[in-house]
Amino acid sequence: MGFAVTLEEPGAEMGPASDPILADPVLHSVKAIDRAIRVRDAGGLVVRTVRTLTIAADVTPAKGWRVQVRGTWCRVAEVKPLAPGGNDLLFRLELEA
């Protein structure tokens, strides 16, 4: 399914709350399907295009993570789990423009 992309999970905060240090980010290699979804107004005009990735991952991605797609880093704006049968098997990531 799809092609390889890299998810970047931010590193955890360590140390005292007054002077926290971020650990190194964790990288996850996953397969993705890349799509552009056109959002239309009531008259049918395209008002914006949203880039989405559908991924199968062993980790649950979160808003604010980064993903590298074909050499370009993008920030994840929204995460929507796709859960057939009640199990989160796929995730649809909406990327910031």
N, C-alpha and C. Protein backbone atom coordinates (compact mmCIF):
# COMPACT_ATOMS: atom_id res chain seq x y z
N MET A 1 0.84 -1.18 0.00
CA MET A 1 0.00 0.00 0.00
C MET A 1 0.88 1.24 0.00
N GLY A 2 0.75 2.12 -0.94
CA GLY A 2 1.37 3.44 -0.92
C GLY A 2 2.88 3.44 -0.97
N PHE A 3 3.46 4.50 -0.41
CA PHE A 3 4.90 4.71 -0.40
C PHE A 3 5.35 5.07 1.01
N ALA A 4 6.66 5.03 1.23
CA ALA A 4 7.20 5.27 2.58
C ALA A 4 7.25 6.76 2.90
N VAL A 5 6.82 7.10 4.11
CA VAL A 5 6.98 8.45 4.68
C VAL A 5 7.55 8.29 6.08
N THR A 6 8.04 9.38 6.64
CA THR A 6 8.60 9.35 7.99
C THR A 6 7.80 10.26 8.91
N LEU A 7 7.26 9.69 9.98
CA LEU A 7 6.58 10.47 11.03
C LEU A 7 7.61 10.86 12.08
N GLU A 8 7.56 12.11 12.53
CA GLU A 8 8.47 12.57 13.58
C GLU A 8 7.66 12.88 14.84
N GLU A 9 7.85 12.04 15.85
CA GLU A 9 7.21 12.24 17.15
C GLU A 9 8.12 13.11 18.00
N PRO A 10 7.63 14.25 18.50
CA PRO A 10 8.50 15.12 19.31
C PRO A 10 9.05 14.39 20.52
N GLY A 11 10.26 14.76 20.92
CA GLY A 11 10.88 14.17 22.09
C GLY A 11 10.16 14.59 23.37
N ALA A 12 10.21 13.75 24.37
CA ALA A 12 9.57 14.03 25.66
C ALA A 12 10.34 15.10 26.42
N GLU A 13 9.62 15.86 27.24
CA GLU A 13 10.28 16.84 28.11
C GLU A 13 10.91 16.11 29.28
N MET A 14 12.15 16.49 29.58
CA MET A 14 12.86 15.90 30.71
C MET A 14 13.43 17.03 31.56
N GLY A 15 13.80 16.71 32.76
CA GLY A 15 14.40 17.69 33.64
C GLY A 15 13.37 18.47 34.43
N PRO A 16 13.84 19.47 35.18
CA PRO A 16 12.92 20.25 36.03
C PRO A 16 11.95 21.09 35.19
N ALA A 17 10.77 21.33 35.73
CA ALA A 17 9.75 22.12 35.03
C ALA A 17 10.24 23.54 34.75
N SER A 18 11.12 24.05 35.60
CA SER A 18 11.62 25.42 35.41
C SER A 18 12.61 25.53 34.26
N ASP A 19 13.22 24.41 33.86
CA ASP A 19 14.20 24.41 32.78
C ASP A 19 14.17 23.07 32.04
N PRO A 20 13.03 22.77 31.35
CA PRO A 20 12.90 21.46 30.72
C PRO A 20 13.82 21.33 29.50
N ILE A 21 14.19 20.11 29.22
CA ILE A 21 15.00 19.78 28.05
C ILE A 21 14.20 18.79 27.21
N LEU A 22 14.17 18.99 25.90
CA LEU A 22 13.48 18.06 25.02
C LEU A 22 14.41 16.94 24.59
N ALA A 23 13.94 15.72 24.72
CA ALA A 23 14.71 14.57 24.23
C ALA A 23 14.67 14.58 22.70
N ASP A 24 15.53 13.81 22.09
CA ASP A 24 15.55 13.70 20.63
C ASP A 24 14.21 13.17 20.13
N PRO A 25 13.75 13.64 18.95
CA PRO A 25 12.49 13.12 18.41
C PRO A 25 12.64 11.66 18.01
N VAL A 26 11.51 10.98 17.96
CA VAL A 26 11.47 9.57 17.56
C VAL A 26 10.91 9.51 16.15
N LEU A 27 11.60 8.82 15.25
CA LEU A 27 11.17 8.71 13.86
C LEU A 27 10.50 7.36 13.63
N HIS A 28 9.38 7.39 12.89
CA HIS A 28 8.62 6.17 12.57
C HIS A 28 8.47 6.10 11.06
N SER A 29 8.89 5.01 10.45
CA SER A 29 8.71 4.81 9.02
C SER A 29 7.39 4.09 8.80
N VAL A 30 6.51 4.70 7.97
CA VAL A 30 5.18 4.12 7.71
C VAL A 30 4.87 4.23 6.22
N LYS A 31 3.87 3.50 5.78
CA LYS A 31 3.38 3.56 4.41
C LYS A 31 2.20 4.52 4.34
N ALA A 32 2.08 5.26 3.22
CA ALA A 32 1.03 6.26 3.11
C ALA A 32 0.45 6.32 1.71
N ILE A 33 -0.79 6.79 1.63
CA ILE A 33 -1.43 7.16 0.38
C ILE A 33 -1.64 8.67 0.45
N ASP A 34 -1.15 9.39 -0.55
CA ASP A 34 -1.17 10.86 -0.61
C ASP A 34 -2.36 11.31 -1.45
N ARG A 35 -3.19 12.21 -0.90
CA ARG A 35 -4.35 12.72 -1.63
C ARG A 35 -4.51 14.22 -1.42
N ALA A 36 -5.09 14.85 -2.40
CA ALA A 36 -5.49 16.26 -2.28
C ALA A 36 -7.01 16.27 -2.34
N ILE A 37 -7.65 16.81 -1.31
CA ILE A 37 -9.12 16.86 -1.24
C ILE A 37 -9.53 18.31 -1.48
N ARG A 38 -10.43 18.51 -2.42
CA ARG A 38 -10.92 19.86 -2.74
C ARG A 38 -12.16 20.16 -1.91
N VAL A 39 -12.13 21.27 -1.18
CA VAL A 39 -13.26 21.71 -0.37
C VAL A 39 -14.02 22.74 -1.19
N ARG A 40 -15.31 22.51 -1.38
CA ARG A 40 -16.13 23.39 -2.22
C ARG A 40 -17.15 24.15 -1.37
N ASP A 41 -17.53 25.34 -1.86
CA ASP A 41 -18.58 26.11 -1.19
C ASP A 41 -19.93 25.62 -1.71
N ALA A 42 -21.02 26.25 -1.24
CA ALA A 42 -22.37 25.83 -1.62
C ALA A 42 -22.61 25.95 -3.12
N GLY A 43 -21.93 26.87 -3.80
CA GLY A 43 -22.08 27.04 -5.24
C GLY A 43 -21.24 26.09 -6.07
N GLY A 44 -20.41 25.27 -5.41
CA GLY A 44 -19.60 24.31 -6.12
C GLY A 44 -18.19 24.78 -6.45
N LEU A 45 -17.84 26.01 -6.06
CA LEU A 45 -16.50 26.52 -6.32
C LEU A 45 -15.51 25.95 -5.31
N VAL A 46 -14.31 25.60 -5.79
CA VAL A 46 -13.26 25.10 -4.90
C VAL A 46 -12.73 26.28 -4.09
N VAL A 47 -12.84 26.20 -2.76
CA VAL A 47 -12.38 27.29 -1.89
C VAL A 47 -11.00 27.00 -1.31
N ARG A 48 -10.64 25.72 -1.22
CA ARG A 48 -9.30 25.36 -0.77
C ARG A 48 -9.05 23.89 -1.06
N THR A 49 -7.79 23.53 -1.11
CA THR A 49 -7.40 22.15 -1.30
C THR A 49 -6.64 21.70 -0.05
N VAL A 50 -7.02 20.56 0.49
CA VAL A 50 -6.41 20.02 1.70
C VAL A 50 -5.61 18.79 1.31
N ARG A 51 -4.35 18.75 1.71
CA ARG A 51 -3.53 17.57 1.45
C ARG A 51 -3.69 16.61 2.62
N THR A 52 -4.00 15.37 2.31
CA THR A 52 -4.17 14.36 3.35
C THR A 52 -3.31 13.14 3.03
N LEU A 53 -2.91 12.47 4.09
CA LEU A 53 -2.23 11.19 3.99
C LEU A 53 -3.06 10.17 4.74
N THR A 54 -3.24 9.01 4.17
CA THR A 54 -3.83 7.89 4.88
C THR A 54 -2.69 6.93 5.17
N ILE A 55 -2.50 6.64 6.46
CA ILE A 55 -1.35 5.81 6.85
C ILE A 55 -1.80 4.63 7.70
N ALA A 56 -1.01 3.58 7.64
CA ALA A 56 -1.14 2.45 8.56
C ALA A 56 0.07 2.54 9.47
N ALA A 57 -0.16 2.66 10.78
CA ALA A 57 0.95 2.87 11.71
C ALA A 57 0.76 2.07 12.98
N ASP A 58 1.89 1.67 13.57
CA ASP A 58 1.87 0.99 14.87
C ASP A 58 1.79 1.98 16.01
N VAL A 59 1.97 3.26 15.69
CA VAL A 59 1.92 4.33 16.67
C VAL A 59 0.75 5.25 16.30
N THR A 60 0.12 5.86 17.32
CA THR A 60 -0.98 6.79 17.07
C THR A 60 -0.43 8.19 16.90
N PRO A 61 -0.47 8.74 15.68
CA PRO A 61 0.06 10.09 15.46
C PRO A 61 -0.80 11.14 16.14
N ALA A 62 -0.25 12.34 16.32
CA ALA A 62 -0.97 13.41 17.00
C ALA A 62 -0.79 14.73 16.24
N LYS A 63 -1.75 15.62 16.45
CA LYS A 63 -1.68 16.97 15.88
C LYS A 63 -0.37 17.63 16.33
N GLY A 64 0.31 18.29 15.40
CA GLY A 64 1.56 18.96 15.73
C GLY A 64 2.81 18.16 15.39
N TRP A 65 2.66 16.84 15.19
CA TRP A 65 3.80 16.04 14.75
C TRP A 65 4.18 16.51 13.35
N ARG A 66 5.35 16.08 12.89
CA ARG A 66 5.76 16.37 11.52
C ARG A 66 5.83 15.07 10.73
N VAL A 67 5.68 15.22 9.41
CA VAL A 67 5.80 14.06 8.53
C VAL A 67 6.59 14.48 7.30
N GLN A 68 7.51 13.62 6.90
CA GLN A 68 8.32 13.90 5.71
C GLN A 68 7.71 13.12 4.54
N VAL A 69 7.26 13.90 3.53
CA VAL A 69 6.63 13.32 2.35
C VAL A 69 7.46 13.71 1.13
N ARG A 70 8.03 12.72 0.48
CA ARG A 70 8.83 12.95 -0.73
C ARG A 70 9.88 14.05 -0.52
N GLY A 71 10.56 13.99 0.64
CA GLY A 71 11.65 14.90 0.94
C GLY A 71 11.26 16.22 1.59
N THR A 72 9.97 16.49 1.74
CA THR A 72 9.50 17.76 2.32
C THR A 72 8.82 17.50 3.66
N TRP A 73 9.21 18.27 4.70
CA TRP A 73 8.60 18.14 6.02
C TRP A 73 7.34 18.98 6.08
N CYS A 74 6.24 18.40 6.59
CA CYS A 74 4.96 19.09 6.78
C CYS A 74 4.50 18.85 8.21
N ARG A 75 3.74 19.79 8.75
CA ARG A 75 3.18 19.64 10.10
C ARG A 75 1.78 19.03 9.99
N VAL A 76 1.45 18.14 10.92
CA VAL A 76 0.13 17.50 10.96
C VAL A 76 -0.86 18.46 11.62
N ALA A 77 -1.92 18.82 10.88
CA ALA A 77 -2.93 19.76 11.40
C ALA A 77 -4.07 19.02 12.11
N GLU A 78 -4.46 17.86 11.60
CA GLU A 78 -5.55 17.06 12.18
C GLU A 78 -5.25 15.58 12.01
N VAL A 79 -5.74 14.78 12.95
CA VAL A 79 -5.61 13.32 12.87
C VAL A 79 -7.00 12.72 13.06
N LYS A 80 -7.39 11.87 12.10
CA LYS A 80 -8.69 11.20 12.19
C LYS A 80 -8.46 9.70 12.10
N PRO A 81 -8.74 8.95 13.18
CA PRO A 81 -8.57 7.49 13.11
C PRO A 81 -9.66 6.87 12.25
N LEU A 82 -9.29 5.87 11.48
CA LEU A 82 -10.24 5.08 10.70
C LEU A 82 -10.28 3.73 11.38
N ALA A 83 -11.43 3.40 11.97
CA ALA A 83 -11.51 2.23 12.86
C ALA A 83 -12.59 1.24 12.43
N PRO A 84 -12.33 0.49 11.36
CA PRO A 84 -13.31 -0.54 11.02
C PRO A 84 -13.34 -1.62 12.11
N GLY A 85 -14.52 -1.97 12.54
CA GLY A 85 -14.64 -2.99 13.58
C GLY A 85 -14.22 -2.49 14.95
N GLY A 86 -14.07 -1.17 15.12
CA GLY A 86 -13.72 -0.61 16.42
C GLY A 86 -12.24 -0.59 16.73
N ASN A 87 -11.39 -0.99 15.79
CA ASN A 87 -9.94 -0.97 16.01
C ASN A 87 -9.30 0.08 15.11
N ASP A 88 -8.48 0.96 15.69
CA ASP A 88 -7.78 1.98 14.90
C ASP A 88 -6.71 1.30 14.04
N LEU A 89 -7.03 1.11 12.75
CA LEU A 89 -6.11 0.44 11.85
C LEU A 89 -5.38 1.43 10.95
N LEU A 90 -6.09 2.49 10.57
CA LEU A 90 -5.53 3.51 9.69
C LEU A 90 -5.77 4.88 10.30
N PHE A 91 -4.99 5.85 9.86
CA PHE A 91 -5.16 7.22 10.31
C PHE A 91 -5.14 8.13 9.10
N ARG A 92 -6.06 9.10 9.05
CA ARG A 92 -6.04 10.12 8.00
C ARG A 92 -5.45 11.37 8.62
N LEU A 93 -4.32 11.82 8.05
CA LEU A 93 -3.63 13.01 8.52
C LEU A 93 -3.90 14.15 7.57
N GLU A 94 -4.39 15.27 8.10
CA GLU A 94 -4.55 16.49 7.31
C GLU A 94 -3.30 17.33 7.56
N LEU A 95 -2.64 17.74 6.50
CA LEU A 95 -1.39 18.47 6.63
C LEU A 95 -1.60 19.97 6.47
N GLU A 96 -0.80 20.76 7.20
CA GLU A 96 -0.87 22.21 7.06
C GLU A 96 -0.31 22.61 5.70
N ALA A 97 -0.88 23.69 5.15
CA ALA A 97 -0.43 24.16 3.83
C ALA A 97 0.93 24.79 3.92
